[in-house]
């Protein structure tokens, strides 16, 4: 799934280059199932990229779930992109700055 305004995401890259944000972010599972996740670009990333299986590096996802570990007060550290790879759909929140073009209201 991709984030297109309607769908939630499972595996995606979000380009932040043109999004004026406060660097505050959160990641929440959508379903009440155990969700395994791997992230890059956050202060507190989930998962370990460097796990070895059979002498080959494989990403190892970390579990997030309600009643367990969540990421409701994370911080974006990447200047360009954040990456999310999850086994179930997740909702990612990114706080926009007030002067962000997406938040401006036109007067009629």
N, C-alpha and C. Protein backbone atom coordinates (compact mmCIF):
# COMPACT_ATOMS: atom_id res chain seq x y z
N UNK A 1 0.84 -1.18 0.00
CA UNK A 1 0.00 0.00 0.00
C UNK A 1 0.88 1.24 0.00
N UNK A 2 0.37 2.30 -0.55
CA UNK A 2 1.08 3.58 -0.52
C UNK A 2 0.19 4.63 0.11
N UNK A 3 0.80 5.72 0.49
CA UNK A 3 0.05 6.82 1.08
C UNK A 3 -0.38 7.73 -0.06
N UNK A 4 -1.67 7.78 -0.32
CA UNK A 4 -2.15 8.63 -1.41
C UNK A 4 -3.33 9.49 -0.97
N UNK A 5 -3.47 9.71 0.32
CA UNK A 5 -4.58 10.49 0.82
C UNK A 5 -5.75 9.63 1.24
N UNK A 6 -5.80 8.39 0.79
CA UNK A 6 -6.89 7.49 1.14
C UNK A 6 -6.36 6.27 1.87
N UNK A 7 -5.28 5.69 1.38
CA UNK A 7 -4.75 4.45 1.92
C UNK A 7 -3.73 4.68 3.03
N UNK A 8 -3.55 3.67 3.84
CA UNK A 8 -2.46 3.66 4.81
C UNK A 8 -1.27 2.99 4.14
N UNK A 9 -0.14 3.00 4.81
CA UNK A 9 1.05 2.47 4.16
C UNK A 9 1.60 1.26 4.88
N UNK A 10 2.32 0.45 4.15
CA UNK A 10 3.06 -0.67 4.71
C UNK A 10 4.55 -0.52 4.41
N UNK A 11 4.89 -0.24 3.17
CA UNK A 11 6.29 -0.05 2.80
C UNK A 11 6.38 1.18 1.90
N UNK A 12 7.11 2.19 2.36
CA UNK A 12 7.16 3.42 1.57
C UNK A 12 8.33 4.29 1.96
N UNK A 13 8.61 5.26 1.11
CA UNK A 13 9.60 6.30 1.36
C UNK A 13 8.86 7.63 1.22
N UNK A 14 9.00 8.51 2.20
CA UNK A 14 8.36 9.82 2.14
C UNK A 14 9.44 10.87 1.96
N UNK A 15 9.35 11.64 0.88
CA UNK A 15 10.31 12.71 0.62
C UNK A 15 9.87 13.95 1.38
N UNK A 16 10.74 14.45 2.24
CA UNK A 16 10.43 15.60 3.08
C UNK A 16 11.00 16.91 2.55
N UNK A 17 11.62 16.86 1.40
CA UNK A 17 12.36 18.01 0.87
C UNK A 17 11.49 19.26 0.77
N UNK A 18 10.24 19.12 0.38
CA UNK A 18 9.38 20.28 0.18
C UNK A 18 8.27 20.39 1.22
N UNK A 19 8.39 19.65 2.32
CA UNK A 19 7.40 19.70 3.39
C UNK A 19 8.00 20.42 4.58
N UNK A 20 7.49 21.60 4.89
CA UNK A 20 7.98 22.34 6.06
C UNK A 20 7.34 21.72 7.30
N UNK A 21 8.16 21.05 8.11
CA UNK A 21 7.62 20.36 9.28
C UNK A 21 8.42 20.72 10.52
N UNK A 22 7.86 20.40 11.67
CA UNK A 22 8.50 20.72 12.96
C UNK A 22 9.44 19.62 13.42
N UNK A 23 9.56 18.55 12.64
CA UNK A 23 10.38 17.37 12.95
C UNK A 23 9.70 16.44 13.96
N UNK A 24 8.48 16.76 14.41
CA UNK A 24 7.74 15.88 15.32
C UNK A 24 6.94 14.88 14.49
N UNK A 25 6.99 13.61 14.91
CA UNK A 25 6.32 12.56 14.14
C UNK A 25 5.88 11.42 15.05
N UNK A 26 4.98 10.61 14.54
CA UNK A 26 4.51 9.43 15.26
C UNK A 26 4.21 8.31 14.28
N UNK A 27 4.25 7.08 14.77
CA UNK A 27 3.93 5.91 13.96
C UNK A 27 2.99 5.02 14.77
N UNK A 28 1.83 4.71 14.20
CA UNK A 28 0.81 3.95 14.90
C UNK A 28 0.32 2.78 14.05
N UNK A 29 0.18 1.60 14.64
CA UNK A 29 -0.42 0.49 13.89
C UNK A 29 -1.90 0.76 13.67
N UNK A 30 -2.41 0.35 12.52
CA UNK A 30 -3.82 0.58 12.21
C UNK A 30 -4.68 -0.58 12.72
N UNK A 31 -4.21 -1.79 12.56
CA UNK A 31 -4.95 -2.97 12.99
C UNK A 31 -4.51 -3.38 14.39
N UNK A 32 -5.36 -4.12 15.06
CA UNK A 32 -5.01 -4.59 16.40
C UNK A 32 -4.29 -5.93 16.31
N UNK A 33 -3.41 -6.05 15.35
CA UNK A 33 -2.55 -7.21 15.21
C UNK A 33 -1.13 -6.78 15.52
N UNK A 34 -0.29 -7.73 15.85
CA UNK A 34 1.12 -7.42 16.04
C UNK A 34 1.68 -6.94 14.71
N UNK A 35 2.33 -5.79 14.73
CA UNK A 35 2.91 -5.20 13.53
C UNK A 35 4.42 -5.15 13.70
N UNK A 36 5.13 -5.72 12.75
CA UNK A 36 6.60 -5.66 12.76
C UNK A 36 7.02 -4.55 11.81
N UNK A 37 7.97 -3.71 12.25
CA UNK A 37 8.30 -2.52 11.50
C UNK A 37 9.80 -2.25 11.48
N UNK A 38 10.26 -1.67 10.38
CA UNK A 38 11.64 -1.21 10.22
C UNK A 38 11.55 0.22 9.72
N UNK A 39 12.24 1.15 10.38
CA UNK A 39 12.20 2.56 9.97
C UNK A 39 13.61 3.11 9.85
N UNK A 40 13.74 4.17 9.03
CA UNK A 40 14.99 4.91 8.88
C UNK A 40 14.64 6.39 8.80
N UNK A 41 15.49 7.23 9.36
CA UNK A 41 15.30 8.67 9.26
C UNK A 41 14.74 9.31 10.51
N UNK A 42 14.43 8.51 11.53
CA UNK A 42 13.89 9.02 12.78
C UNK A 42 14.97 9.01 13.87
N UNK A 43 14.75 9.78 14.93
CA UNK A 43 15.67 9.74 16.06
C UNK A 43 15.63 8.36 16.71
N UNK A 44 14.44 7.83 16.89
CA UNK A 44 14.26 6.50 17.47
C UNK A 44 13.71 5.59 16.39
N UNK A 45 14.59 4.95 15.65
CA UNK A 45 14.19 4.03 14.58
C UNK A 45 13.79 2.69 15.17
N UNK A 46 12.91 2.01 14.47
CA UNK A 46 12.51 0.65 14.84
C UNK A 46 13.27 -0.33 13.96
N UNK A 47 13.67 -1.43 14.56
CA UNK A 47 14.33 -2.49 13.82
C UNK A 47 15.84 -2.34 13.79
N UNK A 48 16.46 -3.38 13.28
CA UNK A 48 17.91 -3.44 13.20
C UNK A 48 18.28 -3.84 11.79
N UNK A 49 18.93 -2.96 11.06
CA UNK A 49 19.29 -3.24 9.68
C UNK A 49 20.38 -4.30 9.55
N UNK A 50 21.13 -4.53 10.60
CA UNK A 50 22.34 -5.32 10.46
C UNK A 50 22.26 -6.72 11.04
N UNK A 51 21.08 -7.31 11.10
CA UNK A 51 21.02 -8.69 11.58
C UNK A 51 21.55 -9.61 10.49
N UNK A 52 22.23 -10.65 10.90
CA UNK A 52 22.85 -11.57 9.94
C UNK A 52 22.09 -12.90 9.93
N UNK A 53 21.72 -13.35 8.75
CA UNK A 53 21.08 -14.66 8.58
C UNK A 53 21.86 -15.39 7.49
N UNK A 54 22.50 -16.47 7.86
CA UNK A 54 23.28 -17.24 6.89
C UNK A 54 24.43 -16.45 6.30
N UNK A 55 25.01 -15.54 7.08
CA UNK A 55 26.13 -14.74 6.60
C UNK A 55 25.73 -13.57 5.71
N UNK A 56 24.42 -13.34 5.56
CA UNK A 56 23.92 -12.25 4.73
C UNK A 56 23.13 -11.28 5.60
N UNK A 57 23.35 -9.96 5.38
CA UNK A 57 22.60 -8.97 6.16
C UNK A 57 21.14 -8.96 5.74
N UNK A 58 20.27 -9.00 6.73
CA UNK A 58 18.83 -8.91 6.50
C UNK A 58 18.25 -7.93 7.51
N UNK A 59 17.33 -7.09 7.07
CA UNK A 59 16.69 -6.20 8.05
C UNK A 59 15.84 -7.00 9.02
N UNK A 60 15.91 -6.64 10.26
CA UNK A 60 15.12 -7.30 11.30
C UNK A 60 14.12 -6.29 11.83
N UNK A 61 12.85 -6.59 11.67
CA UNK A 61 11.81 -5.66 12.11
C UNK A 61 11.58 -5.78 13.61
N UNK A 62 11.05 -4.69 14.17
CA UNK A 62 10.74 -4.63 15.60
C UNK A 62 9.22 -4.56 15.75
N UNK A 63 8.70 -5.08 16.84
CA UNK A 63 7.25 -5.13 17.05
C UNK A 63 6.73 -3.83 17.66
N UNK A 64 5.65 -3.29 17.06
CA UNK A 64 4.89 -2.20 17.68
C UNK A 64 3.46 -2.68 17.82
N UNK A 65 2.81 -2.31 18.92
CA UNK A 65 1.43 -2.73 19.14
C UNK A 65 0.81 -1.92 20.27
N UNK A 66 -0.52 -1.78 20.22
CA UNK A 66 -1.22 -1.13 21.32
C UNK A 66 -1.07 -1.98 22.56
N UNK A 67 -0.79 -1.34 23.68
CA UNK A 67 -0.52 -2.06 24.91
C UNK A 67 0.94 -2.45 25.03
N UNK A 68 1.72 -2.11 24.02
CA UNK A 68 3.15 -2.39 23.99
C UNK A 68 3.90 -1.15 23.53
N UNK A 69 4.87 -1.35 22.68
CA UNK A 69 5.71 -0.24 22.20
C UNK A 69 5.03 0.48 21.04
N UNK A 70 4.97 1.81 21.13
CA UNK A 70 4.47 2.68 20.07
C UNK A 70 5.49 3.79 19.84
N UNK A 71 5.24 4.62 18.86
CA UNK A 71 6.11 5.76 18.59
C UNK A 71 5.24 6.99 18.42
N UNK A 72 4.74 7.53 19.53
CA UNK A 72 3.83 8.67 19.44
C UNK A 72 4.56 10.01 19.56
N UNK A 73 5.80 10.02 20.00
CA UNK A 73 6.56 11.26 20.19
C UNK A 73 7.96 11.11 19.62
N UNK A 74 8.05 10.80 18.35
CA UNK A 74 9.34 10.60 17.71
C UNK A 74 9.81 11.90 17.08
N UNK A 75 11.02 11.90 16.55
CA UNK A 75 11.59 13.08 15.92
C UNK A 75 12.23 12.67 14.60
N UNK A 76 11.98 13.45 13.55
CA UNK A 76 12.59 13.20 12.25
C UNK A 76 13.99 13.78 12.26
N UNK A 77 14.98 12.96 11.92
CA UNK A 77 16.36 13.43 11.85
C UNK A 77 16.86 13.55 10.42
N UNK A 78 16.24 12.87 9.50
CA UNK A 78 16.66 12.92 8.10
C UNK A 78 16.26 14.27 7.49
N UNK A 79 17.11 14.78 6.61
CA UNK A 79 16.80 16.03 5.92
C UNK A 79 15.97 15.79 4.67
N UNK A 80 16.04 14.59 4.10
CA UNK A 80 15.39 14.34 2.82
C UNK A 80 14.26 13.32 2.87
N UNK A 81 14.53 12.12 3.36
CA UNK A 81 13.55 11.04 3.27
C UNK A 81 13.43 10.28 4.59
N UNK A 82 12.22 9.77 4.83
CA UNK A 82 12.02 8.78 5.90
C UNK A 82 11.51 7.51 5.24
N UNK A 83 11.87 6.36 5.80
CA UNK A 83 11.51 5.06 5.25
C UNK A 83 10.73 4.27 6.29
N UNK A 84 9.70 3.57 5.82
CA UNK A 84 8.90 2.72 6.69
C UNK A 84 8.64 1.41 5.96
N UNK A 85 8.90 0.29 6.63
CA UNK A 85 8.61 -1.03 6.09
C UNK A 85 7.91 -1.81 7.20
N UNK A 86 6.62 -2.08 7.05
CA UNK A 86 5.83 -2.72 8.10
C UNK A 86 5.07 -3.92 7.53
N UNK A 87 4.80 -4.89 8.40
CA UNK A 87 4.05 -6.07 7.98
C UNK A 87 2.55 -5.83 7.93
N UNK A 88 2.09 -4.77 8.57
CA UNK A 88 0.68 -4.38 8.57
C UNK A 88 0.62 -2.88 8.31
N UNK A 89 -0.52 -2.35 7.87
CA UNK A 89 -0.61 -0.91 7.64
C UNK A 89 -0.35 -0.10 8.91
N UNK A 90 0.34 1.03 8.75
CA UNK A 90 0.60 1.95 9.85
C UNK A 90 0.21 3.36 9.42
N UNK A 91 -0.07 4.18 10.41
CA UNK A 91 -0.37 5.58 10.19
C UNK A 91 0.83 6.38 10.68
N UNK A 92 1.36 7.24 9.82
CA UNK A 92 2.49 8.09 10.21
C UNK A 92 1.98 9.52 10.30
N UNK A 93 2.27 10.16 11.43
CA UNK A 93 1.89 11.56 11.60
C UNK A 93 3.15 12.41 11.52
N UNK A 94 3.05 13.54 10.83
CA UNK A 94 4.14 14.50 10.73
C UNK A 94 3.54 15.88 11.00
N UNK A 95 4.05 16.56 12.03
CA UNK A 95 3.52 17.88 12.36
C UNK A 95 4.07 18.91 11.39
N UNK A 96 3.16 19.64 10.72
CA UNK A 96 3.55 20.67 9.76
C UNK A 96 3.71 22.01 10.47
N UNK A 97 4.59 22.86 9.93
CA UNK A 97 4.72 24.22 10.45
C UNK A 97 3.50 25.02 10.05
N UNK A 98 3.17 26.04 10.83
CA UNK A 98 1.97 26.84 10.56
C UNK A 98 2.02 27.53 9.21
N UNK A 99 3.21 27.92 8.78
CA UNK A 99 3.32 28.64 7.51
C UNK A 99 3.43 27.70 6.31
N UNK A 100 3.20 26.42 6.52
CA UNK A 100 3.28 25.44 5.43
C UNK A 100 2.22 25.75 4.40
N UNK A 101 2.59 25.68 3.15
CA UNK A 101 1.67 26.00 2.07
C UNK A 101 0.43 25.10 2.10
N UNK A 102 0.57 23.89 2.61
CA UNK A 102 -0.58 22.98 2.67
C UNK A 102 -1.61 23.41 3.71
N UNK A 103 -1.20 24.25 4.65
CA UNK A 103 -2.10 24.63 5.73
C UNK A 103 -2.70 26.02 5.54
N UNK A 104 -2.28 26.77 4.53
CA UNK A 104 -2.79 28.12 4.33
C UNK A 104 -4.24 28.06 3.85
N UNK A 105 -5.06 28.92 4.41
CA UNK A 105 -6.46 29.01 4.00
C UNK A 105 -6.65 30.28 3.19
N UNK A 106 -7.33 30.15 2.08
CA UNK A 106 -7.61 31.33 1.27
C UNK A 106 -8.92 31.95 1.72
N UNK A 107 -8.95 33.30 1.69
CA UNK A 107 -10.18 34.01 2.03
C UNK A 107 -10.98 34.23 0.75
N UNK A 108 -12.29 34.06 0.86
CA UNK A 108 -13.16 34.25 -0.31
C UNK A 108 -13.84 35.58 -0.23
